[in-house]
Amino acid sequence: MDAFLLAMILTFVIAFGGREQSIVALFSSQLDRNVPLLLIAGACAVVSAVVMAYAGSSIAAILPRRAAEMLVAFALAIAAFELAWPVKLKRMKEPTRSYVAIGAVLIFRQIGDAARFVVFALAAWAIYPTTALLGGAMGGVAAVGLGWALGLDKLERFPLRAMRLALSVCLFLAALMIGLNARYVFL
């Protein structure tokens, strides 16, 4: 249950203002918030959570316990770095309005984003990685759904850069503590 709740909350909060949410918000504004865009974005969020949770649990399964903890620390550090990276969204023009093209862009953006690295880390940490997968999928769908509902103009009114930097610092500190704990076994 811990992995489910952590994955759901962290995925939603970390994805807020992220590249994939901004892309969905941009196309939502351009396409008048149509339902197929929401379905494609939700499906991409689920697929990316499945891929990262499977990767995290598979890699952690072959590692010793302390090495798996270090893997979690590295994944959180990568997520912190990705959160600190500024989001620069170009106004995209999709002349064909192809949902396949939009879905391809979304899935590739989501596979390497901070929220999915947190799903990777939680799946590597959890006893039952399926709980991290379900929480990450639900949080990801909620995040792109919020972007779809708000649109880019309303989404950009929030202090996204400051929020992402604060979350980056928190994730880095968590990675540092987990890494030190794995290395020196404080607890």
Protein backbone atom coordinates (compact mmCIF):
# COMPACT_ATOMS: atom_id res chain seq x y z
CA MET A 1 0.00 0.00 0.00
CA ASP A 2 2.89 2.37 0.73
CA ALA A 3 4.33 1.96 -2.76
CA PHE A 4 0.91 2.51 -4.33
CA LEU A 5 0.20 5.74 -2.47
CA LEU A 6 3.73 7.07 -2.83
CA ALA A 7 3.81 6.31 -6.55
CA MET A 8 0.39 7.84 -7.17
CA ILE A 9 1.06 11.04 -5.23
CA LEU A 10 4.64 11.51 -6.38
CA THR A 11 3.86 10.80 -10.03
CA PHE A 12 1.03 13.32 -10.01
CA VAL A 13 2.98 16.02 -8.17
CA ILE A 14 6.22 15.56 -10.09
CA ALA A 15 4.47 15.46 -13.47
CA PHE A 16 2.74 18.75 -12.68
CA GLY A 17 4.20 21.26 -15.10
CA GLY A 18 6.31 18.61 -16.78
CA ARG A 19 6.93 18.24 -20.49
CA GLU A 20 4.24 15.66 -21.14
CA GLN A 21 1.59 17.58 -19.21
CA SER A 22 2.52 20.74 -21.10
CA ILE A 23 2.32 18.92 -24.44
CA VAL A 24 -1.13 17.57 -23.59
CA ALA A 25 -2.21 21.04 -22.40
CA LEU A 26 -0.93 22.60 -25.63
CA PHE A 27 -2.72 20.16 -27.90
CA SER A 28 -5.80 20.30 -25.70
CA SER A 29 -5.98 24.04 -26.29
CA GLN A 30 -5.43 23.62 -30.01
CA LEU A 31 -7.84 20.70 -30.47
CA ASP A 32 -10.65 22.08 -28.27
CA ARG A 33 -10.21 19.48 -25.52
CA ASN A 34 -11.39 16.48 -27.49
CA VAL A 35 -11.72 13.09 -25.82
CA PRO A 36 -9.43 11.05 -28.14
CA LEU A 37 -6.49 13.22 -27.06
CA LEU A 38 -7.29 12.48 -23.41
CA LEU A 39 -7.55 8.74 -24.13
CA ILE A 40 -4.23 8.69 -25.99
CA ALA A 41 -2.50 10.67 -23.23
CA GLY A 42 -3.93 8.36 -20.55
CA ALA A 43 -2.88 5.25 -22.46
CA CYS A 44 0.64 6.63 -22.86
CA ALA A 45 0.81 7.34 -19.13
CA VAL A 46 -0.20 3.76 -18.35
CA VAL A 47 2.25 2.24 -20.85
CA SER A 48 5.15 4.35 -19.58
CA ALA A 49 4.37 3.38 -15.97
CA VAL A 50 4.27 -0.30 -16.97
CA VAL A 51 7.62 -0.08 -18.77
CA MET A 52 9.40 1.74 -15.94
CA ALA A 53 7.90 -0.40 -13.16
CA TYR A 54 8.87 -3.58 -15.01
CA ALA A 55 12.38 -2.27 -15.59
CA GLY A 56 12.80 -1.24 -11.96
CA SER A 57 11.54 -4.50 -10.50
CA SER A 58 13.46 -6.65 -12.99
CA ILE A 59 16.78 -4.94 -12.37
CA ALA A 60 16.30 -4.86 -8.60
CA ALA A 61 15.46 -8.58 -8.59
CA ILE A 62 18.93 -9.54 -9.83
CA LEU A 63 20.81 -7.23 -7.46
CA PRO A 64 21.75 -7.79 -3.82
CA ARG A 65 19.67 -5.81 -1.32
CA ARG A 66 22.17 -2.98 -0.75
CA ALA A 67 22.84 -2.64 -4.47
CA ALA A 68 19.08 -2.47 -5.10
CA GLU A 69 18.87 0.34 -2.54
CA MET A 70 21.67 2.14 -4.39
CA LEU A 71 19.70 1.65 -7.62
CA VAL A 72 16.75 3.41 -5.98
CA ALA A 73 19.06 6.27 -4.94
CA PHE A 74 20.45 6.61 -8.48
CA ALA A 75 16.94 6.60 -9.99
CA LEU A 76 15.83 9.33 -7.59
CA ALA A 77 18.96 11.37 -8.37
CA ILE A 78 18.23 11.10 -12.10
CA ALA A 79 14.66 12.21 -11.41
CA ALA A 80 15.96 15.18 -9.41
CA PHE A 81 18.25 16.19 -12.27
CA GLU A 82 15.41 15.92 -14.79
CA LEU A 83 13.16 18.03 -12.56
CA ALA A 84 15.81 20.74 -12.31
CA TRP A 85 16.15 20.87 -16.09
CA PRO A 86 14.03 23.77 -17.41
CA VAL A 87 10.94 22.89 -19.42
CA LYS A 88 11.14 24.72 -22.72
CA LEU A 89 8.12 23.86 -24.79
CA LYS A 90 8.06 24.92 -28.40
CA ARG A 91 4.71 25.75 -29.82
CA MET A 92 4.22 22.62 -31.85
CA LYS A 93 2.32 22.51 -35.03
CA GLU A 94 0.72 19.21 -35.87
CA PRO A 95 -0.66 19.78 -39.37
CA THR A 96 -2.26 16.35 -39.63
CA ARG A 97 -3.49 16.34 -36.03
CA SER A 98 -2.43 12.72 -35.91
CA TYR A 99 -3.10 11.06 -32.58
CA VAL A 100 -0.47 8.43 -33.39
CA ALA A 101 2.19 11.15 -33.74
CA ILE A 102 1.04 12.88 -30.56
CA GLY A 103 1.05 9.52 -28.75
CA ALA A 104 4.57 8.72 -29.98
CA VAL A 105 5.86 12.07 -28.74
CA LEU A 106 4.14 11.59 -25.39
CA ILE A 107 5.37 8.05 -24.79
CA PHE A 108 8.97 8.96 -25.53
CA ARG A 109 8.78 12.07 -23.33
CA GLN A 110 7.25 10.08 -20.49
CA ILE A 111 9.74 7.21 -20.53
CA GLY A 112 12.58 9.54 -19.55
CA ASP A 113 10.81 11.99 -17.28
CA ALA A 114 11.23 12.41 -13.54
CA ALA A 115 7.85 10.96 -12.59
CA ARG A 116 8.58 7.66 -14.36
CA PHE A 117 12.02 7.43 -12.76
CA VAL A 118 10.24 7.67 -9.42
CA VAL A 119 7.97 4.80 -10.53
CA PHE A 120 11.15 2.90 -11.49
CA ALA A 121 12.66 3.59 -8.05
CA LEU A 122 9.50 2.65 -6.13
CA ALA A 123 9.06 -0.55 -8.14
CA ALA A 124 12.66 -1.46 -7.34
CA TRP A 125 12.03 -0.72 -3.66
CA ALA A 126 8.60 -2.32 -3.25
CA ILE A 127 7.96 -5.89 -2.21
CA TYR A 128 5.07 -5.99 -4.69
CA PRO A 129 6.10 -3.78 -7.65
CA THR A 130 2.60 -4.01 -9.09
CA THR A 131 1.45 -1.56 -6.45
CA ALA A 132 4.00 1.01 -7.65
CA LEU A 133 2.90 0.35 -11.22
CA LEU A 134 -0.78 0.95 -10.42
CA GLY A 135 -0.06 4.07 -8.39
CA GLY A 136 2.25 5.46 -11.07
CA ALA A 137 -0.28 4.76 -13.78
CA MET A 138 -3.10 6.43 -11.85
CA GLY A 139 -0.96 9.45 -10.96
CA GLY A 140 0.22 9.79 -14.57
CA VAL A 141 -3.31 9.60 -15.95
CA ALA A 142 -4.45 12.19 -13.41
CA ALA A 143 -1.56 14.50 -14.36
CA VAL A 144 -2.20 14.40 -18.11
CA GLY A 145 -5.94 14.66 -17.43
CA LEU A 146 -5.34 17.85 -15.47
CA GLY A 147 -3.22 19.21 -18.32
CA TRP A 148 -5.96 18.31 -20.78
CA ALA A 149 -8.61 20.02 -18.64
CA LEU A 150 -6.64 23.19 -17.92
CA GLY A 151 -5.03 23.91 -21.25
CA LEU A 152 -1.64 25.55 -21.63
CA ASP A 153 -2.70 29.11 -20.77
CA LYS A 154 -4.13 28.17 -17.37
CA LEU A 155 -1.31 25.72 -16.65
CA GLU A 156 1.35 28.38 -17.20
CA ARG A 157 -0.24 30.62 -14.52
CA PHE A 158 1.16 28.36 -11.78
CA PRO A 159 4.73 28.91 -10.48
CA LEU A 160 5.87 25.72 -12.19
CA ARG A 161 9.61 26.42 -12.28
CA ALA A 162 9.82 27.12 -8.54
CA MET A 163 7.71 24.06 -7.74
CA ARG A 164 9.87 21.82 -9.91
CA LEU A 165 13.09 23.15 -8.37
CA ALA A 166 11.77 22.58 -4.84
CA LEU A 167 10.76 19.03 -5.74
CA SER A 168 14.17 18.51 -7.33
CA VAL A 169 15.91 19.46 -4.09
CA CYS A 170 13.63 17.12 -2.12
CA LEU A 171 14.29 14.22 -4.48
CA PHE A 172 18.02 14.84 -4.40
CA LEU A 173 18.01 14.82 -0.60
CA ALA A 174 16.00 11.60 -0.60
CA ALA A 175 18.45 10.06 -3.06
CA LEU A 176 21.36 11.17 -0.90
CA MET A 177 19.86 9.70 2.29
CA ILE A 178 18.92 6.42 0.61
CA GLY A 179 22.36 6.18 -0.99
CA LEU A 180 24.16 6.86 2.28
CA ASN A 181 21.94 4.36 4.05
CA ALA A 182 22.74 1.73 1.40
CA ARG A 183 26.45 2.47 1.58
CA TYR A 184 26.96 2.79 5.32
CA VAL A 185 23.89 0.96 6.72
CA PHE A 186 22.85 3.53 9.28
CA LEU A 187 19.50 1.92 9.93
